[in-house]
Amino acid sequence: MKEAKGISRRSLLKGATLGAAGVAAMGMFGCSPASSSAEGGSDAKGGESGKHTWEVKPEPITDIAETVDTEVLVIGAGYSGTCCALNAAENGTKVILVEKDNVPNGHGVGGTGAVASRALDELGIKLDKSIEMERWVSTCGGRCRESLVGKWFRESERCMNWLLDLAESDGAKCMVTVGSHSTVHPEADCYHMISGGQTTNDNMSIANYIEYLFIAKAEETGNFELVYNSPAVQLVQDESGKVTGAICETENGYVQYNASKGVVLATGDVSYNDEYIDEFAPIAKKVMTRLCSDQGNTGDGHNMAAWAGGTFQDGPWPTMMHPQAAGMFHGPFLFINPEGKRFMNEATWVQGKCVGTMVNGGYDHCWSIFDASFQEDNTASLEYGGGMFWDSFRAVGTTPADASASHAASVEKGVTDTPENYKKADTIDELLAQIEEIDADTAKATIERYNELCAAGEDTDFFKESHFLFPVEEGPFYAVKVGPGLLAVVGGIHISDNFEVLDADDNPIEGLYAIGNCSGDMYAYDYPINVQGNSHGRCLVEGKCLGEQLAGVYEDVKA
């Protein structure tokens, strides 16, 4: 691997405190001229005459210090980029992968979703693809491109089985975790957590084991080179508009990579670019924390695609959010905002809890209130609901009681270790007194009202299902701070079903492709979690299929 020293994402961190959100995150130097704001995102507008950065194409860079030829150039060493590079390289294609950081970057908690696999077969799990795709499309408001989603559903099993074989060859194991049993927001048991392989690195966590595995296997092919600390800043086009390469900035000057078979943008989302968020995903500005700690996803690929003539999917772009920016547990229990008011049906999915807190609650956080029976109550609730951080990342075959015991231990630990997010007291008055920001009188009246609803067995305020109505009566009492956090903005560059970047008339920009979270059209309006881990599943499918396509060996499995 080449290492051209430059500005690392790590060096750009500004001391942001993530607290427990770091667990959820286990998964500005570049092409944009916009400056960096105090929060780590770029400013609202840049360029000439108030135009957006992506609307102002920079002058071509001409002072090239070095020119390198390859067949495929992949920009971005995340999940999709490393997967694409491996699949092209192992099929005989010369690949160079450039990364602007000094390490690969994987986001999320390390799981990959698939609608079928041999691991699911071994557990006797079979998903109804017709139902799951309909839920996906419905969650996206019917505005995702169904042909692209359909391709993912067709290819998911083949690609996941390939990954399982690859991981097993490295000595890794796969654990499939449990989803939600909700009748309204069900989650299939299809989250494949792969870890424990021989491929190791000091910088590696469960979140990016997959990236390191792909890189290690790509290096074995002899067709692959990885260059760190080399942010791509500009694409190279010929007179016809075909993309023929890209220019990266290094400490030794600009390096131009010429790619005869194609350039792949795999640069991640726009989580740390306020200019994009303001324009395409303004709700993301309401979160308590942006969860991906490297802060490197600033829309580099989006800019370069637009400058080359590409366009974006329609806004607003969907966000992937989890309510883990403060405490890690919430369950189906009472939520109150800092005014002391209840504001939503709390027994919903992770995205709904985030949006409800910010929009209906009116704040970037709220407090989950429950009593001494919460462990037993949570276990009872998992018969009917659950999902991430209400249930837990537990293996298929374990019990709801296992999940609740784990959460109970984490809550007690939180009371000791992070008292700013976890409160415990013998009486309600003492509990509310610990939450200094809250209107205690209003909160006490809210709790009394909630207990009345629980006693009546019907929530006539927000119509939460009766099996999720657990009163707050017996001490000790607990409060956990619930903070929405942004994982990713899963919208972006308009692409074809073959991952070609498209212009405003749906014509491909020849030689240019986009995959992973910098690409659009797979999602719209909201992020579907009925197929858990489908963002990583998308990276797997898009990376593998495009790598094969660029190597000339891809065969569409469409019947």
Protein backbone atom coordinates (compact mmCIF):
# COMPACT_ATOMS: atom_id res chain seq x y z
CA MET A 1 0.00 0.00 0.00
CA LYS A 2 1.23 3.48 -0.82
CA GLU A 3 1.00 6.05 1.91
CA ALA A 4 1.20 9.62 0.66
CA LYS A 5 1.14 11.76 3.76
CA GLY A 6 -1.54 14.40 3.90
CA ILE A 7 -4.42 15.62 5.98
CA SER A 8 -6.15 12.79 7.82
CA ARG A 9 -9.76 12.81 8.92
CA ARG A 10 -8.47 12.01 12.37
CA SER A 11 -6.52 15.28 12.45
CA LEU A 12 -9.69 17.22 11.74
CA LEU A 13 -11.58 16.13 14.83
CA LYS A 14 -12.47 19.03 17.05
CA GLY A 15 -13.01 17.30 20.33
CA ALA A 16 -16.64 16.36 19.79
CA THR A 17 -17.98 14.35 22.74
CA LEU A 18 -20.09 11.37 21.67
CA GLY A 19 -20.43 9.51 24.98
CA ALA A 20 -22.50 6.38 24.57
CA ALA A 21 -23.21 7.28 20.95
CA GLY A 22 -19.81 5.89 20.08
CA VAL A 23 -21.30 2.43 20.38
CA ALA A 24 -23.90 3.29 17.77
CA ALA A 25 -21.25 4.73 15.49
CA MET A 26 -19.21 1.47 15.35
CA GLY A 27 -19.48 1.24 11.83
CA MET A 28 -12.33 18.55 5.38
CA PHE A 29 -9.87 18.40 2.95
CA GLY A 30 -11.22 17.38 -0.42
CA CYS A 31 -12.86 18.72 -3.52
CA SER A 32 -15.21 21.21 -1.90
CA PRO A 33 -13.89 24.73 -1.42
CA ALA A 34 -16.38 25.42 1.36
CA SER A 35 -14.81 26.13 4.72
CA SER A 36 -15.36 24.05 7.83
CA SER A 37 -17.83 25.26 10.41
CA ALA A 38 -17.46 25.03 14.17
CA GLU A 39 -19.61 21.88 14.25
CA GLY A 40 -17.55 20.06 11.64
CA GLY A 41 -19.94 20.62 8.73
CA SER A 42 -19.24 22.92 5.82
CA ASP A 43 -20.89 26.33 5.51
CA ALA A 44 -24.31 26.85 3.98
CA LYS A 45 -23.28 28.22 0.56
CA GLY A 46 -20.11 28.79 -1.36
CA GLY A 47 -18.92 29.60 -4.85
CA GLU A 48 -19.96 32.49 -7.05
CA SER A 49 -23.18 34.55 -6.90
CA GLY A 50 -24.55 32.56 -3.97
CA LYS A 51 -24.53 29.30 -5.90
CA HIS A 52 -23.97 26.04 -4.13
CA THR A 53 -20.53 24.49 -4.17
CA TRP A 54 -21.68 21.65 -6.41
CA GLU A 55 -23.07 24.16 -8.92
CA VAL A 56 -19.72 25.87 -9.51
CA LYS A 57 -17.29 23.70 -11.47
CA PRO A 58 -13.68 24.60 -10.62
CA GLU A 59 -11.03 25.27 -13.22
CA PRO A 60 -9.18 22.13 -14.32
CA ILE A 61 -6.07 21.32 -12.33
CA THR A 62 -3.05 21.33 -14.62
CA ASP A 63 0.01 21.20 -12.37
CA ILE A 64 0.20 17.40 -12.24
CA ALA A 65 3.22 16.01 -10.39
CA GLU A 66 2.64 12.36 -11.34
CA THR A 67 0.41 10.36 -13.69
CA VAL A 68 -0.59 6.77 -12.93
CA ASP A 69 -2.48 4.42 -15.27
CA THR A 70 -4.94 1.76 -14.15
CA GLU A 71 -8.10 0.08 -15.42
CA VAL A 72 -10.45 0.90 -12.52
CA LEU A 73 -10.09 3.71 -10.01
CA VAL A 74 -12.21 3.43 -6.86
CA ILE A 75 -12.47 6.54 -4.69
CA GLY A 76 -13.24 5.76 -1.04
CA ALA A 77 -12.18 2.79 1.12
CA GLY A 78 -15.47 2.18 2.90
CA TYR A 79 -17.67 -0.89 2.63
CA SER A 80 -18.85 -0.40 -0.96
CA GLY A 81 -15.50 0.82 -2.29
CA THR A 82 -13.40 -1.99 -0.85
CA CYS A 83 -15.98 -4.55 -1.98
CA CYS A 84 -15.99 -3.16 -5.52
CA ALA A 85 -12.19 -3.08 -5.66
CA LEU A 86 -11.90 -6.70 -4.51
CA ASN A 87 -14.47 -8.00 -6.98
CA ALA A 88 -12.86 -6.22 -9.92
CA ALA A 89 -9.35 -7.28 -8.88
CA GLU A 90 -10.16 -10.93 -8.25
CA ASN A 91 -11.64 -11.09 -11.74
CA GLY A 92 -8.43 -9.99 -13.41
CA THR A 93 -8.84 -6.20 -13.51
CA LYS A 94 -6.15 -3.76 -12.41
CA VAL A 95 -7.57 -1.61 -9.60
CA ILE A 96 -6.30 1.35 -7.63
CA LEU A 97 -8.25 2.35 -4.52
CA VAL A 98 -7.62 5.85 -3.14
CA GLU A 99 -8.70 6.96 0.33
CA LYS A 100 -8.47 10.46 1.78
CA ASP A 101 -7.90 9.19 5.33
CA ASN A 102 -5.04 7.10 6.67
CA VAL A 103 -7.33 4.12 7.40
CA PRO A 104 -10.39 2.48 5.82
CA ASN A 105 -13.65 3.76 7.25
CA GLY A 106 -16.64 1.63 8.12
CA HIS A 107 -19.76 3.02 9.75
CA GLY A 108 -22.55 1.28 11.67
CA VAL A 109 -22.27 -1.52 14.21
CA GLY A 110 -20.84 -4.09 11.83
CA GLY A 111 -23.96 -5.91 10.63
CA THR A 112 -25.02 -6.60 7.05
CA GLY A 113 -28.62 -7.19 6.05
CA ALA A 114 -29.70 -9.76 3.45
CA VAL A 115 -33.09 -11.11 2.44
CA ALA A 116 -31.71 -14.65 2.16
CA SER A 117 -28.47 -16.52 2.88
CA ARG A 118 -27.21 -19.92 3.84
CA ALA A 119 -26.86 -18.60 7.41
CA LEU A 120 -30.58 -17.85 7.43
CA ASP A 121 -31.30 -21.23 5.85
CA GLU A 122 -29.42 -22.96 8.67
CA LEU A 123 -31.62 -21.16 11.20
CA GLY A 124 -34.82 -21.95 9.30
CA ILE A 125 -35.46 -18.25 8.58
CA LYS A 126 -37.21 -17.40 5.33
CA LEU A 127 -38.22 -13.87 4.46
CA ASP A 128 -41.18 -13.10 2.22
CA LYS A 129 -39.46 -10.88 -0.35
CA SER A 130 -42.75 -9.57 -1.73
CA ILE A 131 -43.83 -8.28 1.67
CA GLU A 132 -40.40 -6.93 2.64
CA MET A 133 -40.00 -5.03 -0.62
CA GLU A 134 -43.46 -3.54 -0.29
CA ARG A 135 -42.61 -2.38 3.24
CA TRP A 136 -39.35 -0.92 1.93
CA VAL A 137 -41.08 1.01 -0.86
CA SER A 138 -43.87 2.18 1.46
CA THR A 139 -41.39 3.47 4.04
CA CYS A 140 -39.75 5.42 1.21
CA GLY A 141 -43.08 7.03 0.35
CA GLY A 142 -43.13 5.22 -2.98
CA ARG A 143 -40.35 7.54 -4.23
CA CYS A 144 -37.39 5.17 -4.40
CA ARG A 145 -36.71 3.55 -7.79
CA GLU A 146 -38.24 0.12 -7.50
CA SER A 147 -36.16 -1.42 -10.28
CA LEU A 148 -32.96 -0.59 -8.34
CA VAL A 149 -34.42 -1.93 -5.10
CA GLY A 150 -35.59 -5.01 -6.97
CA LYS A 151 -32.05 -5.64 -8.18
CA TRP A 152 -30.88 -5.58 -4.58
CA PHE A 153 -33.54 -8.10 -3.58
CA ARG A 154 -32.47 -10.41 -6.45
CA GLU A 155 -28.75 -10.17 -5.73
CA SER A 156 -28.79 -10.10 -1.93
CA GLU A 157 -28.57 -13.86 -1.33
CA ARG A 158 -25.80 -14.48 -3.85
CA CYS A 159 -23.69 -11.63 -2.53
CA MET A 160 -24.20 -12.51 1.14
CA ASN A 161 -23.25 -16.13 0.54
CA TRP A 162 -20.07 -14.93 -1.17
CA LEU A 163 -19.29 -12.77 1.86
CA LEU A 164 -19.95 -15.65 4.25
CA ASP A 165 -17.59 -17.88 2.27
CA LEU A 166 -14.94 -15.15 2.27
CA ALA A 167 -15.30 -14.54 6.01
CA GLU A 168 -15.17 -18.25 6.83
CA SER A 169 -11.96 -18.56 4.82
CA ASP A 170 -10.55 -15.95 7.23
CA GLY A 171 -11.80 -17.84 10.28
CA ALA A 172 -14.63 -15.41 11.04
CA LYS A 173 -18.02 -16.35 12.46
CA CYS A 174 -21.49 -15.04 11.66
CA MET A 175 -24.22 -14.29 14.20
CA VAL A 176 -27.74 -13.45 13.01
CA THR A 177 -29.56 -11.12 15.38
CA VAL A 178 -33.20 -10.75 16.35
CA GLY A 179 -35.50 -8.05 14.94
CA SER A 180 -38.70 -6.43 16.19
CA HIS A 181 -41.96 -8.34 16.53
CA SER A 182 -44.05 -5.21 16.01
CA THR A 183 -47.14 -5.63 13.87
CA VAL A 184 -46.71 -2.07 12.54
CA HIS A 185 -42.90 -1.84 12.16
CA PRO A 186 -41.64 -5.44 12.03
CA GLU A 187 -37.96 -6.18 11.47
CA ALA A 188 -36.85 -9.43 9.89
CA ASP A 189 -34.22 -11.58 11.61
CA CYS A 190 -31.62 -10.98 8.90
CA TYR A 191 -28.83 -8.89 10.45
CA HIS A 192 -25.55 -10.78 9.84
CA MET A 193 -22.84 -9.74 12.31
CA ILE A 194 -19.49 -11.09 11.07
CA SER A 195 -16.40 -10.92 13.27
CA GLY A 196 -13.48 -12.82 14.76
CA GLY A 197 -11.45 -13.42 11.63
CA GLN A 198 -7.68 -13.69 11.33
CA THR A 199 -7.44 -10.35 9.52
CA THR A 200 -6.56 -7.84 12.22
CA ASN A 201 -5.24 -4.31 12.50
CA ASP A 202 -4.62 -1.93 15.39
CA ASN A 203 -7.23 0.47 13.94
CA MET A 204 -9.85 -2.21 13.36
CA SER A 205 -13.12 -2.66 15.22
CA ILE A 206 -16.12 -4.86 14.50
CA ALA A 207 -17.44 -1.94 12.47
CA ASN A 208 -14.72 -2.14 9.83
CA TYR A 209 -13.50 -5.73 9.94
CA ILE A 210 -15.24 -6.21 6.59
CA GLU A 211 -13.23 -3.41 4.95
CA TYR A 212 -9.94 -4.85 6.19
CA LEU A 213 -10.98 -8.32 5.03
CA PHE A 214 -11.81 -7.05 1.53
CA ILE A 215 -8.50 -5.19 1.35
CA ALA A 216 -6.49 -8.22 2.51
CA LYS A 217 -8.15 -10.45 -0.07
CA ALA A 218 -7.69 -7.83 -2.82
CA GLU A 219 -3.97 -7.62 -2.06
CA GLU A 220 -3.69 -11.36 -2.62
CA THR A 221 -4.83 -10.95 -6.24
CA GLY A 222 -1.78 -8.97 -7.37
CA ASN A 223 -4.09 -6.60 -9.29
CA PHE A 224 -4.74 -4.14 -6.48
CA GLU A 225 -3.09 -1.09 -4.96
CA LEU A 226 -4.37 1.05 -2.06
CA VAL A 227 -3.20 4.63 -1.60
CA TYR A 228 -4.05 6.38 1.68
CA ASN A 229 -4.04 10.11 2.47
CA SER A 230 -4.99 10.93 -1.13
CA PRO A 231 -8.27 12.88 -1.29
CA ALA A 232 -9.73 12.99 -4.78
CA VAL A 233 -10.42 16.61 -5.70
CA GLN A 234 -11.42 16.58 -9.35
CA LEU A 235 -12.49 14.22 -12.11
CA VAL A 236 -10.79 14.15 -15.51
CA GLN A 237 -12.98 14.26 -18.63
CA ASP A 238 -12.19 14.14 -22.33
CA GLU A 239 -13.78 16.36 -24.99
CA SER A 240 -16.86 14.13 -25.18
CA GLY A 241 -17.48 14.42 -21.45
CA LYS A 242 -16.37 10.86 -20.71
CA VAL A 243 -14.73 10.50 -17.30
CA THR A 244 -11.26 9.09 -17.84
CA GLY A 245 -9.73 9.49 -14.39
CA ALA A 246 -9.39 11.61 -11.28
CA ILE A 247 -6.87 13.89 -9.61
CA CYS A 248 -5.83 13.36 -5.99
CA GLU A 249 -3.97 15.81 -3.77
CA THR A 250 -0.97 14.57 -1.82
CA GLU A 251 1.89 16.15 0.07
CA ASN A 252 3.98 15.66 -3.08
CA GLY A 253 1.52 17.47 -5.32
CA TYR A 254 -1.35 16.42 -7.54
CA VAL A 255 -1.46 12.83 -8.82
CA GLN A 256 -3.61 12.06 -11.86
CA TYR A 257 -4.99 8.54 -12.11
CA ASN A 258 -6.13 7.50 -15.58
CA ALA A 259 -8.73 4.72 -15.51
CA SER A 260 -9.49 2.99 -18.81
CA LYS A 261 -12.53 1.07 -17.56
CA GLY A 262 -14.13 3.49 -15.15
CA VAL A 263 -14.02 5.67 -12.06
CA VAL A 264 -16.13 4.63 -9.07
CA LEU A 265 -17.33 7.15 -6.49
CA ALA A 266 -17.68 5.40 -3.11
CA THR A 267 -17.11 8.43 -0.93
CA GLY A 268 -19.90 8.07 1.61
CA ASP A 269 -22.70 10.42 2.57
CA VAL A 270 -22.95 14.13 3.45
CA SER A 271 -23.33 13.88 7.25
CA TYR A 272 -20.67 16.51 7.88
CA ASN A 273 -21.57 18.99 5.15
CA ASP A 274 -24.14 21.52 6.32
CA GLU A 275 -24.51 22.96 2.83
CA TYR A 276 -25.94 19.65 1.59
CA ILE A 277 -27.96 19.02 4.73
CA ASP A 278 -29.57 22.46 4.62
CA GLU A 279 -30.59 21.88 1.02
CA PHE A 280 -31.54 18.20 0.99
CA ALA A 281 -32.00 16.89 4.56
CA PRO A 282 -32.75 19.78 6.93
CA ILE A 283 -34.21 17.53 9.62
CA ALA A 284 -30.66 16.24 10.19
CA LYS A 285 -29.78 19.62 11.70
CA LYS A 286 -32.19 18.90 14.58
CA VAL A 287 -30.35 15.85 15.94
CA MET A 288 -28.47 15.94 19.22
CA THR A 289 -25.30 14.46 17.69
CA ARG A 290 -23.90 13.30 14.38
CA LEU A 291 -22.72 9.84 15.25
CA CYS A 292 -19.88 8.97 12.85
CA SER A 293 -16.82 10.18 14.70
CA ASP A 294 -14.37 10.42 11.78
CA GLN A 295 -16.31 13.42 10.34
CA GLY A 296 -14.97 12.62 6.87
CA ASN A 297 -18.23 12.28 4.96
CA THR A 298 -18.44 15.75 3.45
CA GLY A 299 -19.92 15.17 0.01
CA ASP A 300 -16.66 14.95 -1.96
CA GLY A 301 -18.10 12.49 -4.46
CA HIS A 302 -21.36 14.40 -4.73
CA ASN A 303 -19.47 17.53 -5.73
CA MET A 304 -17.31 15.76 -8.30
CA ALA A 305 -20.31 14.01 -9.85
CA ALA A 306 -22.20 17.30 -10.19
CA TRP A 307 -19.16 19.05 -11.68
CA ALA A 308 -18.95 16.25 -14.27
CA GLY A 309 -22.57 16.78 -15.33
CA GLY A 310 -24.32 14.36 -12.99
CA THR A 311 -27.45 15.17 -11.03
CA PHE A 312 -28.98 14.24 -7.69
CA GLN A 313 -32.13 12.42 -6.69
CA ASP A 314 -35.01 14.65 -5.62
CA GLY A 315 -35.06 15.89 -2.05
CA PRO A 316 -35.65 15.67 0.76
CA TRP A 317 -33.04 12.96 1.13
CA PRO A 318 -33.73 10.24 3.71
CA THR A 319 -31.83 10.13 6.97
CA MET A 320 -30.75 7.14 9.01
CA MET A 321 -31.16 8.02 12.70
CA HIS A 322 -30.94 6.19 16.02
CA PRO A 323 -31.94 7.58 19.45
CA GLN A 324 -28.58 6.73 21.03
CA ALA A 325 -26.80 10.08 21.20
CA ALA A 326 -27.11 10.03 25.02
CA GLY A 327 -28.41 6.91 26.81
CA MET A 328 -28.48 3.58 25.01
CA PHE A 329 -31.80 2.16 26.22
CA HIS A 330 -35.38 3.38 25.94
CA GLY A 331 -37.87 0.52 25.56
CA PRO A 332 -41.60 1.27 25.17
CA PHE A 333 -41.77 3.45 28.29
CA LEU A 334 -43.05 6.97 28.89
CA PHE A 335 -41.22 9.83 27.13
CA ILE A 336 -41.34 13.41 28.44
CA ASN A 337 -39.68 16.46 26.93
CA PRO A 338 -37.85 19.18 28.93
CA GLU A 339 -41.17 20.94 29.43
CA GLY A 340 -42.37 17.84 31.28
CA LYS A 341 -44.91 16.88 28.60
CA ARG A 342 -45.63 13.60 26.88
CA PHE A 343 -45.71 14.05 23.10
CA MET A 344 -45.88 10.73 21.20
CA ASN A 345 -46.54 7.01 21.12
CA GLU A 346 -43.23 5.75 22.49
CA ALA A 347 -43.55 2.13 21.29
CA THR A 348 -42.31 2.74 17.77
CA TRP A 349 -39.17 2.12 15.72
CA VAL A 350 -35.82 3.89 16.09
CA GLN A 351 -36.40 6.38 13.28
CA GLY A 352 -39.85 7.20 14.61
CA LYS A 353 -38.48 7.85 18.09
CA CYS A 354 -35.94 10.28 16.68
CA VAL A 355 -38.37 12.18 14.51
CA GLY A 356 -41.02 12.19 17.23
CA THR A 357 -38.58 13.59 19.78
CA MET A 358 -37.40 16.38 17.49
CA VAL A 359 -40.66 17.29 15.75
CA ASN A 360 -43.40 16.52 18.26
CA GLY A 361 -41.27 16.88 21.37
CA GLY A 362 -39.70 20.04 20.04
CA TYR A 363 -36.21 19.34 21.40
CA ASP A 364 -33.08 17.43 20.46
CA HIS A 365 -33.68 15.02 23.35
CA CYS A 366 -36.25 13.77 25.81
CA TRP A 367 -36.33 11.52 28.90
CA SER A 368 -37.56 7.94 29.12
CA ILE A 369 -39.17 7.36 32.54
CA PHE A 370 -39.74 3.92 34.08
CA ASP A 371 -39.83 2.20 37.44
CA ALA A 372 -38.33 -0.74 39.29
CA SER A 373 -40.24 -3.26 37.16
CA PHE A 374 -38.64 -2.15 33.90
CA GLN A 375 -36.64 -5.33 33.34
CA GLU A 376 -39.71 -7.56 33.57
CA ASP A 377 -41.86 -5.03 31.69
CA ASN A 378 -39.34 -4.81 28.86
CA THR A 379 -39.25 -8.59 28.57
CA ALA A 380 -43.04 -8.67 28.32
CA SER A 381 -43.01 -5.95 25.67
CA LEU A 382 -40.64 -7.84 23.38
CA GLU A 383 -43.38 -10.33 22.58
CA TYR A 384 -45.06 -7.54 20.64
CA GLY A 385 -42.31 -5.08 19.70
CA GLY A 386 -38.63 -4.37 20.04
CA GLY A 387 -35.90 -3.54 17.62
CA MET A 388 -32.55 -1.90 18.01
CA PHE A 389 -31.77 -0.72 21.57
CA TRP A 390 -35.23 -1.68 22.79
CA ASP A 391 -34.38 -5.31 22.27
CA SER A 392 -30.61 -5.75 21.77
CA PHE A 393 -28.13 -7.12 19.26
CA ARG A 394 -28.74 -10.65 20.49
CA ALA A 395 -28.45 -13.83 18.54
CA VAL A 396 -31.42 -15.69 17.12
CA GLY A 397 -32.21 -18.39 19.67
CA THR A 398 -31.66 -16.25 22.75
CA THR A 399 -34.58 -14.92 24.78
CA PRO A 400 -36.18 -11.53 25.48
CA ALA A 401 -35.19 -12.03 29.10
CA ASP A 402 -31.54 -12.14 27.97
CA ALA A 403 -31.97 -8.78 26.26
CA SER A 404 -33.68 -7.20 29.25
CA ALA A 405 -31.05 -8.46 31.67
CA SER A 406 -28.35 -6.92 29.50
CA HIS A 407 -30.21 -3.61 29.39
CA ALA A 408 -30.81 -3.64 33.14
CA ALA A 409 -27.09 -4.05 33.74
CA SER A 410 -26.28 -1.23 31.31
CA VAL A 411 -28.79 1.11 32.97
CA GLU A 412 -27.33 0.51 36.43
CA LYS A 413 -23.84 1.03 35.02
CA GLY A 414 -25.01 4.22 33.35
CA VAL A 415 -26.33 5.59 36.64
CA THR A 416 -22.82 5.18 38.07
CA ASP A 417 -20.66 6.05 35.05
CA THR A 418 -22.68 8.65 33.09
CA PRO A 419 -25.10 10.30 35.51
CA GLU A 420 -25.74 13.11 33.04
CA ASN A 421 -27.68 10.58 30.92
CA TYR A 422 -28.97 8.10 33.54
CA LYS A 423 -30.87 9.03 36.69
CA LYS A 424 -32.13 6.88 39.58
CA ALA A 425 -34.03 7.84 42.72
CA ASP A 426 -36.31 6.34 45.36
CA THR A 427 -39.17 8.75 44.67
CA ILE A 428 -40.55 10.56 41.63
CA ASP A 429 -39.89 13.92 43.25
CA GLU A 430 -36.25 13.03 43.83
CA LEU A 431 -35.91 11.74 40.27
CA LEU A 432 -37.35 14.88 38.70
CA ALA A 433 -35.18 17.04 40.93
CA GLN A 434 -32.12 15.39 39.39
CA ILE A 435 -33.21 16.48 35.90
CA GLU A 436 -32.55 20.17 36.37
CA GLU A 437 -33.85 21.28 32.97
CA ILE A 438 -37.28 19.72 33.40
CA ASP A 439 -40.46 21.41 34.59
CA ALA A 440 -41.04 19.14 37.59
CA ASP A 441 -44.66 20.09 38.28
CA THR A 442 -45.69 19.48 34.67
CA ALA A 443 -43.70 16.25 34.55
CA LYS A 444 -45.31 14.96 37.74
CA ALA A 445 -48.77 15.69 36.34
CA THR A 446 -47.79 13.95 33.10
CA ILE A 447 -46.69 10.82 34.99
CA GLU A 448 -49.94 10.79 36.97
CA ARG A 449 -51.95 11.10 33.75
CA TYR A 450 -49.91 8.30 32.14
CA ASN A 451 -50.51 6.01 35.13
CA GLU A 452 -54.24 6.65 34.82
CA LEU A 453 -54.12 5.57 31.18
CA CYS A 454 -52.19 2.45 32.13
CA ALA A 455 -54.76 1.59 34.81
CA ALA A 456 -57.59 2.08 32.33
CA GLY A 457 -55.81 -0.13 29.78
CA GLU A 458 -56.30 2.37 26.94
CA ASP A 459 -54.09 5.22 25.79
CA THR A 460 -56.63 7.80 24.66
CA ASP A 461 -53.89 10.45 24.28
CA PHE A 462 -51.62 8.79 21.70
CA PHE A 463 -53.20 5.34 21.33
CA LYS A 464 -50.17 3.29 22.18
CA GLU A 465 -51.11 -0.39 22.13
CA SER A 466 -52.30 -1.56 25.54
CA HIS A 467 -49.60 -4.24 25.88
CA PHE A 468 -47.01 -1.43 25.97
CA LEU A 469 -48.68 0.50 28.81
CA PHE A 470 -46.46 0.06 31.86
CA PRO A 471 -47.13 2.42 34.79
CA VAL A 472 -44.48 4.35 36.69
CA GLU A 473 -45.41 3.41 40.27
CA GLU A 474 -42.81 1.45 42.23
CA GLY A 475 -39.43 2.82 43.27
CA PRO A 476 -36.64 3.03 42.58
CA PHE A 477 -37.44 5.17 39.53
CA TYR A 478 -35.25 5.73 36.48
CA ALA A 479 -34.82 8.32 33.74
CA VAL A 480 -32.68 7.79 30.65
CA LYS A 481 -31.87 10.65 28.30
CA VAL A 482 -32.95 9.82 24.74
CA GLY A 483 -30.98 11.74 22.11
CA PRO A 484 -31.53 11.38 18.35
CA GLY A 485 -28.28 10.85 16.45
CA LEU A 486 -27.55 10.98 12.74
CA LEU A 487 -25.78 7.96 11.25
CA ALA A 488 -26.09 8.84 7.58
CA VAL A 489 -27.98 10.75 4.92
CA VAL A 490 -28.81 7.89 2.56
CA GLY A 491 -29.59 9.90 -0.55
CA GLY A 492 -27.46 11.43 -3.23
CA ILE A 493 -26.21 10.98 -6.76
CA HIS A 494 -28.77 9.91 -9.36
CA ILE A 495 -27.69 6.53 -10.77
CA SER A 496 -28.90 3.88 -13.20
CA ASP A 497 -29.63 0.29 -12.25
CA ASN A 498 -26.06 -0.41 -13.41
CA PHE A 499 -24.73 2.28 -11.02
CA GLU A 500 -23.85 4.75 -13.79
CA VAL A 501 -24.02 8.40 -12.77
CA LEU A 502 -26.89 10.02 -14.68
CA ASP A 503 -27.42 13.56 -15.93
CA ALA A 504 -30.68 15.52 -15.69
CA ASP A 505 -32.02 13.72 -18.77
CA ASP A 506 -31.21 10.28 -17.35
CA ASN A 507 -28.26 9.83 -19.70
CA PRO A 508 -25.17 8.12 -18.24
CA ILE A 509 -21.96 10.07 -17.70
CA GLU A 510 -19.68 7.66 -19.53
CA GLY A 511 -16.96 6.17 -17.36
CA LEU A 512 -18.43 7.35 -14.03
CA TYR A 513 -20.18 5.22 -11.40
CA ALA A 514 -21.46 5.77 -7.86
CA ILE A 515 -22.21 3.21 -5.14
CA GLY A 516 -22.93 3.13 -1.41
CA ASN A 517 -24.22 6.12 0.50
CA CYS A 518 -22.97 8.70 -1.97
CA SER A 519 -25.42 7.29 -4.51
CA GLY A 520 -29.15 7.85 -4.50
CA ASP A 521 -32.46 6.30 -5.61
CA MET A 522 -32.36 3.19 -3.38
CA TYR A 523 -34.11 5.13 -0.63
CA ALA A 524 -36.37 8.16 -0.44
CA TYR A 525 -38.12 10.11 2.30
CA ASP A 526 -37.21 7.63 5.05
CA TYR A 527 -34.80 4.78 5.73
CA PRO A 528 -36.51 1.33 5.81
CA ILE A 529 -35.33 -0.87 8.66
CA ASN A 530 -37.68 -3.82 8.11
CA VAL A 531 -34.62 -5.48 6.53
CA GLN A 532 -32.13 -4.67 9.25
CA GLY A 533 -28.67 -3.62 8.09
CA ASN A 534 -29.76 -3.03 4.51
CA SER A 535 -27.47 0.00 4.13
CA HIS A 536 -24.45 -2.30 4.53
CA GLY A 537 -26.33 -4.88 2.49
CA ARG A 538 -26.64 -2.29 -0.24
CA CYS A 539 -22.90 -1.61 -0.11
CA LEU A 540 -22.21 -5.32 -0.43
CA VAL A 541 -24.50 -5.83 -3.42
CA GLU A 542 -23.57 -2.64 -5.25
CA GLY A 543 -19.85 -3.13 -4.64
CA LYS A 544 -19.81 -6.75 -5.73
CA CYS A 545 -22.05 -6.30 -8.78
CA LEU A 546 -20.21 -3.22 -10.04
CA GLY A 547 -16.80 -4.81 -9.49
CA GLU A 548 -17.90 -7.79 -11.57
CA GLN A 549 -19.46 -5.50 -14.16
CA LEU A 550 -16.26 -3.48 -14.63
CA ALA A 551 -14.30 -6.74 -14.94
CA GLY A 552 -16.72 -7.93 -17.63
CA VAL A 553 -17.98 -10.99 -15.75
CA TYR A 554 -21.29 -9.82 -14.28
CA GLU A 555 -24.41 -11.76 -15.18
CA ASP A 556 -27.73 -10.33 -14.04
CA VAL A 557 -29.66 -12.93 -12.09
CA LYS A 558 -32.98 -11.40 -13.22
CA ALA A 559 -35.21 -14.18 -14.51
